[in-house]
Amino acid sequence: MDRLWIGLGGLAGFGAVAMAAFVAHGLGDAVAIRIVSSGVQMQGWHALALFGVGLWAPRGGWLAHAAGAAFATGLILFCGAVYSVGVTGISWGVLAPAGGMLLMLGWLLLAASALRSR
């Protein structure tokens, strides 16, 4: 399971770089660039968080794995919804806030895993 978080972190990092390149070369609208750039930043930070979860999970236990699941799901919901608005103008309603809440929950779970660690 630990390798899963590292693998997902690598994929998320790749996606952040790819989306950053798309923003730099494919979008002309300043508002869209700002919106998508926000998603890229969150994706990049949480790619690193997933990598960290993969390294920490053997000591952090189930709380660390729950943090990884929250990060991964939150990334899909938050960044997917942000990219949709920025690139196509289509809003997915509550998906971005729900994803953002999962990302925050992931950080709390990661902190709890550190405090509870043996």
PDB file of N, CA and C in Angstrom:
ATOM      1  N   MET A   1       0.824  -1.194   0.000  1.00  0.00           N
ATOM      2  CA  MET A   1       0.000   0.000   0.000  1.00  0.00           C
ATOM      3  C   MET A   1       0.871   1.262   0.000  1.00  0.00           C
ATOM      4  N   ASP A   2       2.031   1.198   0.670  1.00  0.00           N
ATOM      5  CA  ASP A   2       2.911   2.359   0.733  1.00  0.00           C
ATOM      6  C   ASP A   2       3.358   2.778  -0.665  1.00  0.00           C
ATOM      7  N   ARG A   3       3.642   1.789  -1.500  1.00  0.00           N
ATOM      8  CA  ARG A   3       4.078   2.077  -2.867  1.00  0.00           C
ATOM      9  C   ARG A   3       2.968   2.737  -3.669  1.00  0.00           C
ATOM     10  N   LEU A   4       1.719   2.437  -3.337  1.00  0.00           N
ATOM     11  CA  LEU A   4       0.583   3.057  -4.027  1.00  0.00           C
ATOM     12  C   LEU A   4       0.616   4.568  -3.846  1.00  0.00           C
ATOM     13  N   TRP A   5       0.854   5.036  -2.617  1.00  0.00           N
ATOM     14  CA  TRP A   5       0.863   6.476  -2.365  1.00  0.00           C
ATOM     15  C   TRP A   5       2.014   7.145  -3.099  1.00  0.00           C
ATOM     16  N   ILE A   6       3.176   6.505  -3.120  1.00  0.00           N
ATOM     17  CA  ILE A   6       4.318   7.070  -3.848  1.00  0.00           C
ATOM     18  C   ILE A   6       4.023   7.098  -5.351  1.00  0.00           C
ATOM     19  N   GLY A   7       3.434   6.021  -5.865  1.00  0.00           N
ATOM     20  CA  GLY A   7       3.069   5.975  -7.281  1.00  0.00           C
ATOM     21  C   GLY A   7       2.046   7.032  -7.650  1.00  0.00           C
ATOM     22  N   LEU A   8       1.019   7.187  -6.805  1.00  0.00           N
ATOM     23  CA  LEU A   8       0.011   8.225  -7.069  1.00  0.00           C
ATOM     24  C   LEU A   8       0.624   9.618  -6.958  1.00  0.00           C
ATOM     25  N   GLY A   9       1.554   9.790  -6.020  1.00  0.00           N
ATOM     26  CA  GLY A   9       2.254  11.071  -5.911  1.00  0.00           C
ATOM     27  C   GLY A   9       3.036  11.384  -7.174  1.00  0.00           C
ATOM     28  N   GLY A  10       3.703  10.362  -7.724  1.00  0.00           N
ATOM     29  CA  GLY A  10       4.439  10.555  -8.975  1.00  0.00           C
ATOM     30  C   GLY A  10       3.519  10.913 -10.127  1.00  0.00           C
ATOM     31  N   LEU A  11       2.371  10.231 -10.216  1.00  0.00           N
ATOM     32  CA  LEU A  11       1.406  10.548 -11.277  1.00  0.00           C
ATOM     33  C   LEU A  11       0.830  11.951 -11.105  1.00  0.00           C
ATOM     34  N   ALA A  12       0.543  12.311  -9.859  1.00  0.00           N
ATOM     35  CA  ALA A  12       0.012  13.652  -9.606  1.00  0.00           C
ATOM     36  C   ALA A  12       1.053  14.717  -9.938  1.00  0.00           C
ATOM     37  N   GLY A  13       2.311  14.457  -9.613  1.00  0.00           N
ATOM     38  CA  GLY A  13       3.379  15.393  -9.954  1.00  0.00           C
ATOM     39  C   GLY A  13       3.529  15.552 -11.453  1.00  0.00           C
ATOM     40  N   PHE A  14       3.487  14.418 -12.159  1.00  0.00           N
ATOM     41  CA  PHE A  14       3.537  14.454 -13.620  1.00  0.00           C
ATOM     42  C   PHE A  14       2.383  15.290 -14.170  1.00  0.00           C
ATOM     43  N   GLY A  15       1.185  15.044 -13.639  1.00  0.00           N
ATOM     44  CA  GLY A  15       0.006  15.782 -14.105  1.00  0.00           C
ATOM     45  C   GLY A  15       0.117  17.276 -13.837  1.00  0.00           C
ATOM     46  N   ALA A  16       0.705  17.632 -12.702  1.00  0.00           N
ATOM     47  CA  ALA A  16       0.871  19.056 -12.381  1.00  0.00           C
ATOM     48  C   ALA A  16       1.817  19.729 -13.369  1.00  0.00           C
ATOM     49  N   VAL A  17       2.913  19.048 -13.689  1.00  0.00           N
ATOM     50  CA  VAL A  17       3.866  19.619 -14.659  1.00  0.00           C
ATOM     51  C   VAL A  17       3.220  19.714 -16.040  1.00  0.00           C
ATOM     52  N   ALA A  18       2.493  18.675 -16.437  1.00  0.00           N
ATOM     53  CA  ALA A  18       1.828  18.685 -17.748  1.00  0.00           C
ATOM     54  C   ALA A  18       0.795  19.808 -17.833  1.00  0.00           C
ATOM     55  N   MET A  19       0.010  19.972 -16.754  1.00  0.00           N
ATOM     56  CA  MET A  19      -1.001  21.028 -16.770  1.00  0.00           C
ATOM     57  C   MET A  19      -0.350  22.404 -16.744  1.00  0.00           C
ATOM     58  N   ALA A  20       0.766  22.546 -16.039  1.00  0.00           N
ATOM     59  CA  ALA A  20       1.489  23.825 -16.031  1.00  0.00           C
ATOM     60  C   ALA A  20       1.986  24.161 -17.430  1.00  0.00           C
ATOM     61  N   ALA A  21       2.460  23.155 -18.160  1.00  0.00           N
ATOM     62  CA  ALA A  21       2.912  23.382 -19.536  1.00  0.00           C
ATOM     63  C   ALA A  21       1.738  23.780 -20.423  1.00  0.00           C
ATOM     64  N   PHE A  22       0.599  23.137 -20.218  1.00  0.00           N
ATOM     65  CA  PHE A  22      -0.596  23.473 -20.985  1.00  0.00           C
ATOM     66  C   PHE A  22      -1.007  24.917 -20.718  1.00  0.00           C
ATOM     67  N   VAL A  23      -0.973  25.318 -19.451  1.00  0.00           N
ATOM     68  CA  VAL A  23      -1.329  26.694 -19.094  1.00  0.00           C
ATOM     69  C   VAL A  23      -0.369  27.682 -19.752  1.00  0.00           C
ATOM     70  N   ALA A  24       0.910  27.360 -19.719  1.00  0.00           N
ATOM     71  CA  ALA A  24       1.916  28.276 -20.261  1.00  0.00           C
ATOM     72  C   ALA A  24       1.814  28.418 -21.772  1.00  0.00           C
ATOM     73  N   HIS A  25       1.386  27.357 -22.446  1.00  0.00           N
ATOM     74  CA  HIS A  25       1.408  27.374 -23.914  1.00  0.00           C
ATOM     75  C   HIS A  25       0.040  27.298 -24.571  1.00  0.00           C
ATOM     76  N   GLY A  26      -1.002  26.923 -23.808  1.00  0.00           N
ATOM     77  CA  GLY A  26      -2.275  26.671 -24.459  1.00  0.00           C
ATOM     78  C   GLY A  26      -3.407  27.608 -24.108  1.00  0.00           C
ATOM     79  N   LEU A  27      -3.324  28.268 -22.961  1.00  0.00           N
ATOM     80  CA  LEU A  27      -4.416  29.145 -22.556  1.00  0.00           C
ATOM     81  C   LEU A  27      -4.027  30.599 -22.789  1.00  0.00           C
ATOM     82  N   GLY A  28      -4.923  31.370 -23.368  1.00  0.00           N
ATOM     83  CA  GLY A  28      -4.640  32.767 -23.625  1.00  0.00           C
ATOM     84  C   GLY A  28      -5.362  33.702 -22.685  1.00  0.00           C
ATOM     85  N   ASP A  29      -6.426  33.238 -22.084  1.00  0.00           N
ATOM     86  CA  ASP A  29      -7.256  34.058 -21.201  1.00  0.00           C
ATOM     87  C   ASP A  29      -6.596  34.172 -19.826  1.00  0.00           C
ATOM     88  N   ALA A  30      -6.371  35.400 -19.371  1.00  0.00           N
ATOM     89  CA  ALA A  30      -5.680  35.632 -18.091  1.00  0.00           C
ATOM     90  C   ALA A  30      -6.449  35.060 -16.910  1.00  0.00           C
ATOM     91  N   VAL A  31      -7.771  35.135 -16.939  1.00  0.00           N
ATOM     92  CA  VAL A  31      -8.580  34.596 -15.841  1.00  0.00           C
ATOM     93  C   VAL A  31      -8.453  33.074 -15.800  1.00  0.00           C
ATOM     94  N   ALA A  32      -8.531  32.436 -16.964  1.00  0.00           N
ATOM     95  CA  ALA A  32      -8.397  30.978 -17.033  1.00  0.00           C
ATOM     96  C   ALA A  32      -7.019  30.534 -16.563  1.00  0.00           C
ATOM     97  N   ILE A  33      -5.993  31.282 -16.932  1.00  0.00           N
ATOM     98  CA  ILE A  33      -4.631  30.954 -16.506  1.00  0.00           C
ATOM     99  C   ILE A  33      -4.524  31.016 -14.986  1.00  0.00           C
ATOM    100  N   ARG A  34      -5.109  32.023 -14.377  1.00  0.00           N
ATOM    101  CA  ARG A  34      -5.058  32.163 -12.917  1.00  0.00           C
ATOM    102  C   ARG A  34      -5.807  31.019 -12.235  1.00  0.00           C
ATOM    103  N   ILE A  35      -6.969  30.658 -12.776  1.00  0.00           N
ATOM    104  CA  ILE A  35      -7.763  29.572 -12.196  1.00  0.00           C
ATOM    105  C   ILE A  35      -6.998  28.250 -12.277  1.00  0.00           C
ATOM    106  N   VAL A  36      -6.503  27.911 -13.457  1.00  0.00           N
ATOM    107  CA  VAL A  36      -5.800  26.646 -13.646  1.00  0.00           C
ATOM    108  C   VAL A  36      -4.493  26.639 -12.864  1.00  0.00           C
ATOM    109  N   SER A  37      -3.816  27.757 -12.784  1.00  0.00           N
ATOM    110  CA  SER A  37      -2.572  27.826 -12.014  1.00  0.00           C
ATOM    111  C   SER A  37      -2.800  27.502 -10.544  1.00  0.00           C
ATOM    112  N   SER A  38      -3.939  27.898 -10.014  1.00  0.00           N
ATOM    113  CA  SER A  38      -4.286  27.558  -8.635  1.00  0.00           C
ATOM    114  C   SER A  38      -4.403  26.040  -8.476  1.00  0.00           C
ATOM    115  N   GLY A  39      -5.045  25.391  -9.426  1.00  0.00           N
ATOM    116  CA  GLY A  39      -5.156  23.933  -9.389  1.00  0.00           C
ATOM    117  C   GLY A  39      -3.803  23.257  -9.519  1.00  0.00           C
ATOM    118  N   VAL A  40      -2.951  23.792 -10.390  1.00  0.00           N
ATOM    119  CA  VAL A  40      -1.609  23.231 -10.567  1.00  0.00           C
ATOM    120  C   VAL A  40      -0.817  23.320  -9.271  1.00  0.00           C
ATOM    121  N   GLN A  41      -0.912  24.456  -8.599  1.00  0.00           N
ATOM    122  CA  GLN A  41      -0.188  24.623  -7.341  1.00  0.00           C
ATOM    123  C   GLN A  41      -0.663  23.616  -6.296  1.00  0.00           C
ATOM    124  N   MET A  42      -1.958  23.468  -6.153  1.00  0.00           N
ATOM    125  CA  MET A  42      -2.497  22.508  -5.181  1.00  0.00           C
ATOM    126  C   MET A  42      -2.110  21.081  -5.560  1.00  0.00           C
ATOM    127  N   GLN A  43      -2.135  20.772  -6.839  1.00  0.00           N
ATOM    128  CA  GLN A  43      -1.779  19.431  -7.275  1.00  0.00           C
ATOM    129  C   GLN A  43      -0.312  19.140  -6.992  1.00  0.00           C
ATOM    130  N   GLY A  44       0.546  20.110  -7.229  1.00  0.00           N
ATOM    131  CA  GLY A  44       1.973  19.915  -6.975  1.00  0.00           C
ATOM    132  C   GLY A  44       2.265  19.686  -5.502  1.00  0.00           C
ATOM    133  N   TRP A  45       1.674  20.499  -4.640  1.00  0.00           N
ATOM    134  CA  TRP A  45       1.898  20.333  -3.204  1.00  0.00           C
ATOM    135  C   TRP A  45       1.383  18.992  -2.705  1.00  0.00           C
ATOM    136  N   HIS A  46       0.222  18.587  -3.200  1.00  0.00           N
ATOM    137  CA  HIS A  46      -0.360  17.347  -2.709  1.00  0.00           C
ATOM    138  C   HIS A  46       0.258  16.111  -3.364  1.00  0.00           C
ATOM    139  N   ALA A  47       0.919  16.293  -4.509  1.00  0.00           N
ATOM    140  CA  ALA A  47       1.736  15.203  -5.048  1.00  0.00           C
ATOM    141  C   ALA A  47       2.867  14.897  -4.075  1.00  0.00           C
ATOM    142  N   LEU A  48       3.490  15.954  -3.556  1.00  0.00           N
ATOM    143  CA  LEU A  48       4.541  15.779  -2.548  1.00  0.00           C
ATOM    144  C   LEU A  48       3.980  15.182  -1.258  1.00  0.00           C
ATOM    145  N   ALA A  49       2.775  15.588  -0.888  1.00  0.00           N
ATOM    146  CA  ALA A  49       2.150  15.032   0.313  1.00  0.00           C
ATOM    147  C   ALA A  49       1.923  13.528   0.150  1.00  0.00           C
ATOM    148  N   LEU A  50       1.465  13.094  -1.022  1.00  0.00           N
ATOM    149  CA  LEU A  50       1.273  11.657  -1.262  1.00  0.00           C
ATOM    150  C   LEU A  50       2.594  10.908  -1.181  1.00  0.00           C
ATOM    151  N   PHE A  51       3.636  11.495  -1.728  1.00  0.00           N
ATOM    152  CA  PHE A  51       4.962  10.889  -1.639  1.00  0.00           C
ATOM    153  C   PHE A  51       5.364  10.735  -0.169  1.00  0.00           C
ATOM    154  N   GLY A  52       5.154  11.782   0.606  1.00  0.00           N
ATOM    155  CA  GLY A  52       5.466  11.730   2.035  1.00  0.00           C
ATOM    156  C   GLY A  52       4.649  10.687   2.775  1.00  0.00           C
ATOM    157  N   VAL A  53       3.380  10.563   2.426  1.00  0.00           N
ATOM    158  CA  VAL A  53       2.532   9.545   3.045  1.00  0.00           C
ATOM    159  C   VAL A  53       3.093   8.154   2.751  1.00  0.00           C
ATOM    160  N   GLY A  54       3.528   7.946   1.522  1.00  0.00           N
ATOM    161  CA  GLY A  54       4.108   6.646   1.173  1.00  0.00           C
ATOM    162  C   GLY A  54       5.332   6.319   2.002  1.00  0.00           C
ATOM    163  N   LEU A  55       6.130   7.317   2.302  1.00  0.00           N
ATOM    164  CA  LEU A  55       7.316   7.093   3.135  1.00  0.00           C
ATOM    165  C   LEU A  55       6.950   6.915   4.608  1.00  0.00           C
ATOM    166  N   TRP A  56       5.935   7.625   5.069  1.00  0.00           N
ATOM    167  CA  TRP A  56       5.547   7.622   6.471  1.00  0.00           C
ATOM    168  C   TRP A  56       4.626   6.460   6.839  1.00  0.00           C
ATOM    169  N   ALA A  57       3.846   5.959   5.897  1.00  0.00           N
ATOM    170  CA  ALA A  57       2.791   4.981   6.191  1.00  0.00           C
ATOM    171  C   ALA A  57       3.248   3.760   6.987  1.00  0.00           C
ATOM    172  N   PRO A  58       4.443   3.208   6.765  1.00  0.00           N
ATOM    173  CA  PRO A  58       4.827   2.055   7.583  1.00  0.00           C
ATOM    174  C   PRO A  58       4.838   2.357   9.091  1.00  0.00           C
ATOM    175  N   ARG A  59       5.127   3.589   9.466  1.00  0.00           N
ATOM    176  CA  ARG A  59       5.113   3.972  10.889  1.00  0.00           C
ATOM    177  C   ARG A  59       3.796   4.611  11.287  1.00  0.00           C
ATOM    178  N   GLY A  60       3.120   5.254  10.345  1.00  0.00           N
ATOM    179  CA  GLY A  60       1.915   6.015  10.663  1.00  0.00           C
ATOM    180  C   GLY A  60       0.646   5.199  10.741  1.00  0.00           C
ATOM    181  N   GLY A  61       0.671   3.974  10.222  1.00  0.00           N
ATOM    182  CA  GLY A  61      -0.490   3.091  10.327  1.00  0.00           C
ATOM    183  C   GLY A  61      -1.691   3.519   9.511  1.00  0.00           C
ATOM    184  N   TRP A  62      -2.851   3.095  10.013  1.00  0.00           N
ATOM    185  CA  TRP A  62      -4.084   3.296   9.252  1.00  0.00           C
ATOM    186  C   TRP A  62      -4.422   4.769   9.080  1.00  0.00           C
ATOM    187  N   LEU A  63      -4.045   5.616  10.023  1.00  0.00           N
ATOM    188  CA  LEU A  63      -4.314   7.045   9.873  1.00  0.00           C
ATOM    189  C   LEU A  63      -3.528   7.633   8.701  1.00  0.00           C
ATOM    190  N   ALA A  64      -2.304   7.167   8.517  1.00  0.00           N
ATOM    191  CA  ALA A  64      -1.510   7.637   7.375  1.00  0.00           C
ATOM    192  C   ALA A  64      -2.135   7.171   6.070  1.00  0.00           C
ATOM    193  N   HIS A  65      -2.612   5.930   6.035  1.00  0.00           N
ATOM    194  CA  HIS A  65      -3.271   5.434   4.827  1.00  0.00           C
ATOM    195  C   HIS A  65      -4.573   6.200   4.558  1.00  0.00           C
ATOM    196  N   ALA A  66      -5.291   6.540   5.618  1.00  0.00           N
ATOM    197  CA  ALA A  66      -6.506   7.345   5.454  1.00  0.00           C
ATOM    198  C   ALA A  66      -6.153   8.733   4.915  1.00  0.00           C
ATOM    199  N   ALA A  67      -5.020   9.286   5.362  1.00  0.00           N
ATOM    200  CA  ALA A  67      -4.565  10.575   4.840  1.00  0.00           C
ATOM    201  C   ALA A  67      -4.272  10.465   3.350  1.00  0.00           C
ATOM    202  N   GLY A  68      -3.601   9.389   2.948  1.00  0.00           N
ATOM    203  CA  GLY A  68      -3.318   9.180   1.528  1.00  0.00           C
ATOM    204  C   GLY A  68      -4.586   9.091   0.703  1.00  0.00           C
ATOM    205  N   ALA A  69      -5.576   8.366   1.211  1.00  0.00           N
ATOM    206  CA  ALA A  69      -6.852   8.249   0.495  1.00  0.00           C
ATOM    207  C   ALA A  69      -7.547   9.603   0.394  1.00  0.00           C
ATOM    208  N   ALA A  70      -7.493  10.387   1.465  1.00  0.00           N
ATOM    209  CA  ALA A  70      -8.112  11.719   1.439  1.00  0.00           C
ATOM    210  C   ALA A  70      -7.384  12.630   0.450  1.00  0.00           C
ATOM    211  N   PHE A  71      -6.049  12.577   0.449  1.00  0.00           N
ATOM    212  CA  PHE A  71      -5.284  13.385  -0.505  1.00  0.00           C
ATOM    213  C   PHE A  71      -5.614  12.994  -1.947  1.00  0.00           C
ATOM    214  N   ALA A  72      -5.597  11.705  -2.232  1.00  0.00           N
ATOM    215  CA  ALA A  72      -5.830  11.243  -3.609  1.00  0.00           C
ATOM    216  C   ALA A  72      -7.232  11.611  -4.093  1.00  0.00           C
ATOM    217  N   THR A  73      -8.230  11.355  -3.256  1.00  0.00           N
ATOM    218  CA  THR A  73      -9.609  11.673  -3.651  1.00  0.00           C
ATOM    219  C   THR A  73      -9.809  13.178  -3.742  1.00  0.00           C
ATOM    220  N   GLY A  74      -9.247  13.904  -2.780  1.00  0.00           N
ATOM    221  CA  GLY A  74      -9.355  15.361  -2.800  1.00  0.00           C
ATOM    222  C   GLY A  74      -8.712  15.979  -4.024  1.00  0.00           C
ATOM    223  N   LEU A  75      -7.563  15.427  -4.439  1.00  0.00           N
ATOM    224  CA  LEU A  75      -6.898  15.930  -5.647  1.00  0.00           C
ATOM    225  C   LEU A  75      -7.781  15.766  -6.872  1.00  0.00           C
ATOM    226  N   ILE A  76      -8.371  14.603  -7.005  1.00  0.00           N
ATOM    227  CA  ILE A  76      -9.225  14.342  -8.171  1.00  0.00           C
ATOM    228  C   ILE A  76     -10.411  15.312  -8.189  1.00  0.00           C
ATOM    229  N   LEU A  77     -11.076  15.428  -7.045  1.00  0.00           N
ATOM    230  CA  LEU A  77     -12.262  16.288  -6.993  1.00  0.00           C
ATOM    231  C   LEU A  77     -11.907  17.766  -7.128  1.00  0.00           C
ATOM    232  N   PHE A  78     -10.968  18.235  -6.315  1.00  0.00           N
ATOM    233  CA  PHE A  78     -10.639  19.661  -6.320  1.00  0.00           C
ATOM    234  C   PHE A  78     -10.008  20.085  -7.632  1.00  0.00           C
ATOM    235  N   CYS A  79      -8.898  19.438  -8.000  1.00  0.00           N
ATOM    236  CA  CYS A  79      -8.186  19.858  -9.207  1.00  0.00           C
ATOM    237  C   CYS A  79      -9.016  19.611 -10.457  1.00  0.00           C
ATOM    238  N   GLY A  80      -9.727  18.500 -10.489  1.00  0.00           N
ATOM    239  CA  GLY A  80     -10.585  18.232 -11.643  1.00  0.00           C
ATOM    240  C   GLY A  80     -11.628  19.314 -11.841  1.00  0.00           C
ATOM    241  N   ALA A  81     -12.260  19.734 -10.745  1.00  0.00           N
ATOM    242  CA  ALA A  81     -13.285  20.774 -10.842  1.00  0.00           C
ATOM    243  C   ALA A  81     -12.671  22.124 -11.216  1.00  0.00           C
ATOM    244  N   VAL A  82     -11.507  22.439 -10.630  1.00  0.00           N
ATOM    245  CA  VAL A  82     -10.843  23.709 -10.951  1.00  0.00           C
ATOM    246  C   VAL A  82     -10.407  23.727 -12.411  1.00  0.00           C
ATOM    247  N   TYR A  83      -9.825  22.632 -12.879  1.00  0.00           N
ATOM    248  CA  TYR A  83      -9.391  22.566 -14.283  1.00  0.00           C
ATOM    249  C   TYR A  83     -10.585  22.657 -15.223  1.00  0.00           C
ATOM    250  N   SER A  84     -11.687  22.055 -14.853  1.00  0.00           N
ATOM    251  CA  SER A  84     -12.882  22.114 -15.693  1.00  0.00           C
ATOM    252  C   SER A  84     -13.363  23.553 -15.855  1.00  0.00           C
ATOM    253  N   VAL A  85     -13.402  24.307 -14.764  1.00  0.00           N
ATOM    254  CA  VAL A  85     -13.832  25.707 -14.843  1.00  0.00           C
ATOM    255  C   VAL A  85     -12.840  26.519 -15.660  1.00  0.00           C
ATOM    256  N   GLY A  86     -11.550  26.327 -15.407  1.00  0.00           N
ATOM    257  CA  GLY A  86     -10.532  27.125 -16.085  1.00  0.00           C
ATOM    258  C   GLY A  86     -10.414  26.840 -17.565  1.00  0.00           C
ATOM    259  N   VAL A  87     -10.543  25.578 -17.948  1.00  0.00           N
ATOM    260  CA  VAL A  87     -10.326  25.204 -19.350  1.00  0.00           C
ATOM    261  C   VAL A  87     -11.609  25.266 -20.167  1.00  0.00           C
ATOM    262  N   THR A  88     -12.724  24.782 -19.596  1.00  0.00           N
ATOM    263  CA  THR A  88     -13.963  24.703 -20.377  1.00  0.00           C
ATOM    264  C   THR A  88     -15.036  25.689 -19.929  1.00  0.00           C
ATOM    265  N   GLY A  89     -14.870  26.266 -18.735  1.00  0.00           N
ATOM    266  CA  GLY A  89     -15.901  27.145 -18.202  1.00  0.00           C
ATOM    267  C   GLY A  89     -17.044  26.393 -17.547  1.00  0.00           C
ATOM    268  N   ILE A  90     -16.947  25.067 -17.458  1.00  0.00           N
ATOM    269  CA  ILE A  90     -18.005  24.248 -16.865  1.00  0.00           C
ATOM    270  C   ILE A  90     -17.717  24.045 -15.387  1.00  0.00           C
ATOM    271  N   SER A  91     -18.699  24.419 -14.551  1.00  0.00           N
ATOM    272  CA  SER A  91     -18.569  24.250 -13.103  1.00  0.00           C
ATOM    273  C   SER A  91     -19.207  22.932 -12.685  1.00  0.00           C
ATOM    274  N   TRP A  92     -18.569  22.251 -11.749  1.00  0.00           N
ATOM    275  CA  TRP A  92     -19.084  20.988 -11.218  1.00  0.00           C
ATOM    276  C   TRP A  92     -19.661  21.190  -9.821  1.00  0.00           C
ATOM    277  N   GLY A  93     -20.099  22.387  -9.529  1.00  0.00           N
ATOM    278  CA  GLY A  93     -20.796  22.663  -8.274  1.00  0.00           C
ATOM    279  C   GLY A  93     -19.943  22.444  -7.043  1.00  0.00           C
ATOM    280  N   VAL A  94     -20.364  21.513  -6.215  1.00  0.00           N
ATOM    281  CA  VAL A  94     -19.734  21.312  -4.903  1.00  0.00           C
ATOM    282  C   VAL A  94     -18.497  20.417  -4.947  1.00  0.00           C
ATOM    283  N   LEU A  95     -18.074  19.960  -6.117  1.00  0.00           N
ATOM    284  CA  LEU A  95     -16.925  19.055  -6.164  1.00  0.00           C
ATOM    285  C   LEU A  95     -15.631  19.732  -5.702  1.00  0.00           C
ATOM    286  N   ALA A  96     -15.404  20.964  -6.096  1.00  0.00           N
ATOM    287  CA  ALA A  96     -14.179  21.649  -5.667  1.00  0.00           C
ATOM    288  C   ALA A  96     -14.167  21.860  -4.146  1.00  0.00           C
ATOM    289  N   PRO A  97     -15.232  22.368  -3.549  1.00  0.00           N
ATOM    290  CA  PRO A  97     -15.208  22.502  -2.086  1.00  0.00           C
ATOM    291  C   PRO A  97     -15.092  21.153  -1.365  1.00  0.00           C
ATOM    292  N   ALA A  98     -15.770  20.131  -1.881  1.00  0.00           N
ATOM    293  CA  ALA A  98     -15.666  18.804  -1.259  1.00  0.00           C
ATOM    294  C   ALA A  98     -14.234  18.285  -1.361  1.00  0.00           C
ATOM    295  N   GLY A  99     -13.611  18.481  -2.516  1.00  0.00           N
ATOM    296  CA  GLY A  99     -12.225  18.069  -2.681  1.00  0.00           C
ATOM    297  C   GLY A  99     -11.294  18.849  -1.772  1.00  0.00           C
ATOM    298  N   GLY A 100     -11.533  20.142  -1.625  1.00  0.00           N
ATOM    299  CA  GLY A 100     -10.727  20.955  -0.728  1.00  0.00           C
ATOM    300  C   GLY A 100     -10.862  20.505   0.720  1.00  0.00           C
ATOM    301  N   MET A 101     -12.065  20.136   1.116  1.00  0.00           N
ATOM    302  CA  MET A 101     -12.265  19.628   2.479  1.00  0.00           C
ATOM    303  C   MET A 101     -11.520  18.309   2.677  1.00  0.00           C
ATOM    304  N   LEU A 102     -11.514  17.455   1.661  1.00  0.00           N
ATOM    305  CA  LEU A 102     -10.763  16.197   1.765  1.00  0.00           C
ATOM    306  C   LEU A 102      -9.262  16.455   1.860  1.00  0.00           C
ATOM    307  N   LEU A 103      -8.767  17.441   1.132  1.00  0.00           N
ATOM    308  CA  LEU A 103      -7.346  17.773   1.225  1.00  0.00           C
ATOM    309  C   LEU A 103      -7.003  18.249   2.636  1.00  0.00           C
ATOM    310  N   MET A 104      -7.856  19.089   3.207  1.00  0.00           N
ATOM    311  CA  MET A 104      -7.615  19.538   4.578  1.00  0.00           C
ATOM    312  C   MET A 104      -7.712  18.376   5.564  1.00  0.00           C
ATOM    313  N   LEU A 105      -8.684  17.495   5.358  1.00  0.00           N
ATOM    314  CA  LEU A 105      -8.816  16.312   6.216  1.00  0.00           C
ATOM    315  C   LEU A 105      -7.566  15.447   6.127  1.00  0.00           C
ATOM    316  N   GLY A 106      -7.009  15.330   4.932  1.00  0.00           N
ATOM    317  CA  GLY A 106      -5.785  14.558   4.763  1.00  0.00           C
ATOM    318  C   GLY A 106      -4.663  15.085   5.643  1.00  0.00           C
ATOM    319  N   TRP A 107      -4.526  16.404   5.713  1.00  0.00           N
ATOM    320  CA  TRP A 107      -3.480  16.987   6.565  1.00  0.00           C
ATOM    321  C   TRP A 107      -3.741  16.698   8.028  1.00  0.00           C
ATOM    322  N   LEU A 108      -4.997  16.782   8.451  1.00  0.00           N
ATOM    323  CA  LEU A 108      -5.324  16.468   9.842  1.00  0.00           C
ATOM    324  C   LEU A 108      -5.049  14.996  10.156  1.00  0.00           C
ATOM    325  N   LEU A 109      -5.404  14.117   9.231  1.00  0.00           N
ATOM    326  CA  LEU A 109      -5.142  12.689   9.434  1.00  0.00           C
ATOM    327  C   LEU A 109      -3.646  12.402   9.485  1.00  0.00           C
ATOM    328  N   LEU A 110      -2.890  13.085   8.643  1.00  0.00           N
ATOM    329  CA  LEU A 110      -1.431  12.911   8.650  1.00  0.00           C
ATOM    330  C   LEU A 110      -0.845  13.371   9.984  1.00  0.00           C
ATOM    331  N   ALA A 111      -1.326  14.511  10.476  1.00  0.00           N
ATOM    332  CA  ALA A 111      -0.867  14.999  11.776  1.00  0.00           C
ATOM    333  C   ALA A 111      -1.245  14.026  12.890  1.00  0.00           C
ATOM    334  N   ALA A 112      -2.468  13.521  12.847  1.00  0.00           N
ATOM    335  CA  ALA A 112      -2.907  12.556  13.859  1.00  0.00           C
ATOM    336  C   ALA A 112      -2.071  11.292  13.820  1.00  0.00           C
ATOM    337  N   SER A 113      -1.685  10.867  12.614  1.00  0.00           N
ATOM    338  CA  SER A 113      -0.860   9.660  12.513  1.00  0.00           C
ATOM    339  C   SER A 113       0.506   9.875  13.150  1.00  0.00           C
ATOM    340  N   ALA A 114       1.030  11.094  13.051  1.00  0.00           N
ATOM    341  CA  ALA A 114       2.325  11.394  13.664  1.00  0.00           C
ATOM    342  C   ALA A 114       2.209  11.437  15.193  1.00  0.00           C
ATOM    343  N   LEU A 115       1.109  12.007  15.688  1.00  0.00           N
ATOM    344  CA  LEU A 115       0.927  12.099  17.128  1.00  0.00           C
ATOM    345  C   LEU A 115       0.652  10.736  17.760  1.00  0.00           C
ATOM    346  N   ARG A 116       0.049   9.857  16.988  1.00  0.00           N
ATOM    347  CA  ARG A 116      -0.337   8.533  17.495  1.00  0.00           C
ATOM    348  C   ARG A 116       0.752   7.485  17.265  1.00  0.00           C
ATOM    349  N   SER A 117       1.749   7.829  16.468  1.00  0.00           N
ATOM    350  CA  SER A 117       2.789   6.878  16.098  1.00  0.00           C
ATOM    351  C   SER A 117       3.496   6.306  17.321  1.00  0.00           C
ATOM    352  N   ARG A 118       3.929   5.068  17.184  1.00  0.00           N
ATOM    353  CA  ARG A 118       4.633   4.397  18.273  1.00  0.00           C
ATOM    354  C   ARG A 118       6.062   4.821  18.343  1.00  0.00           C
TER     355      ARG A 118
END
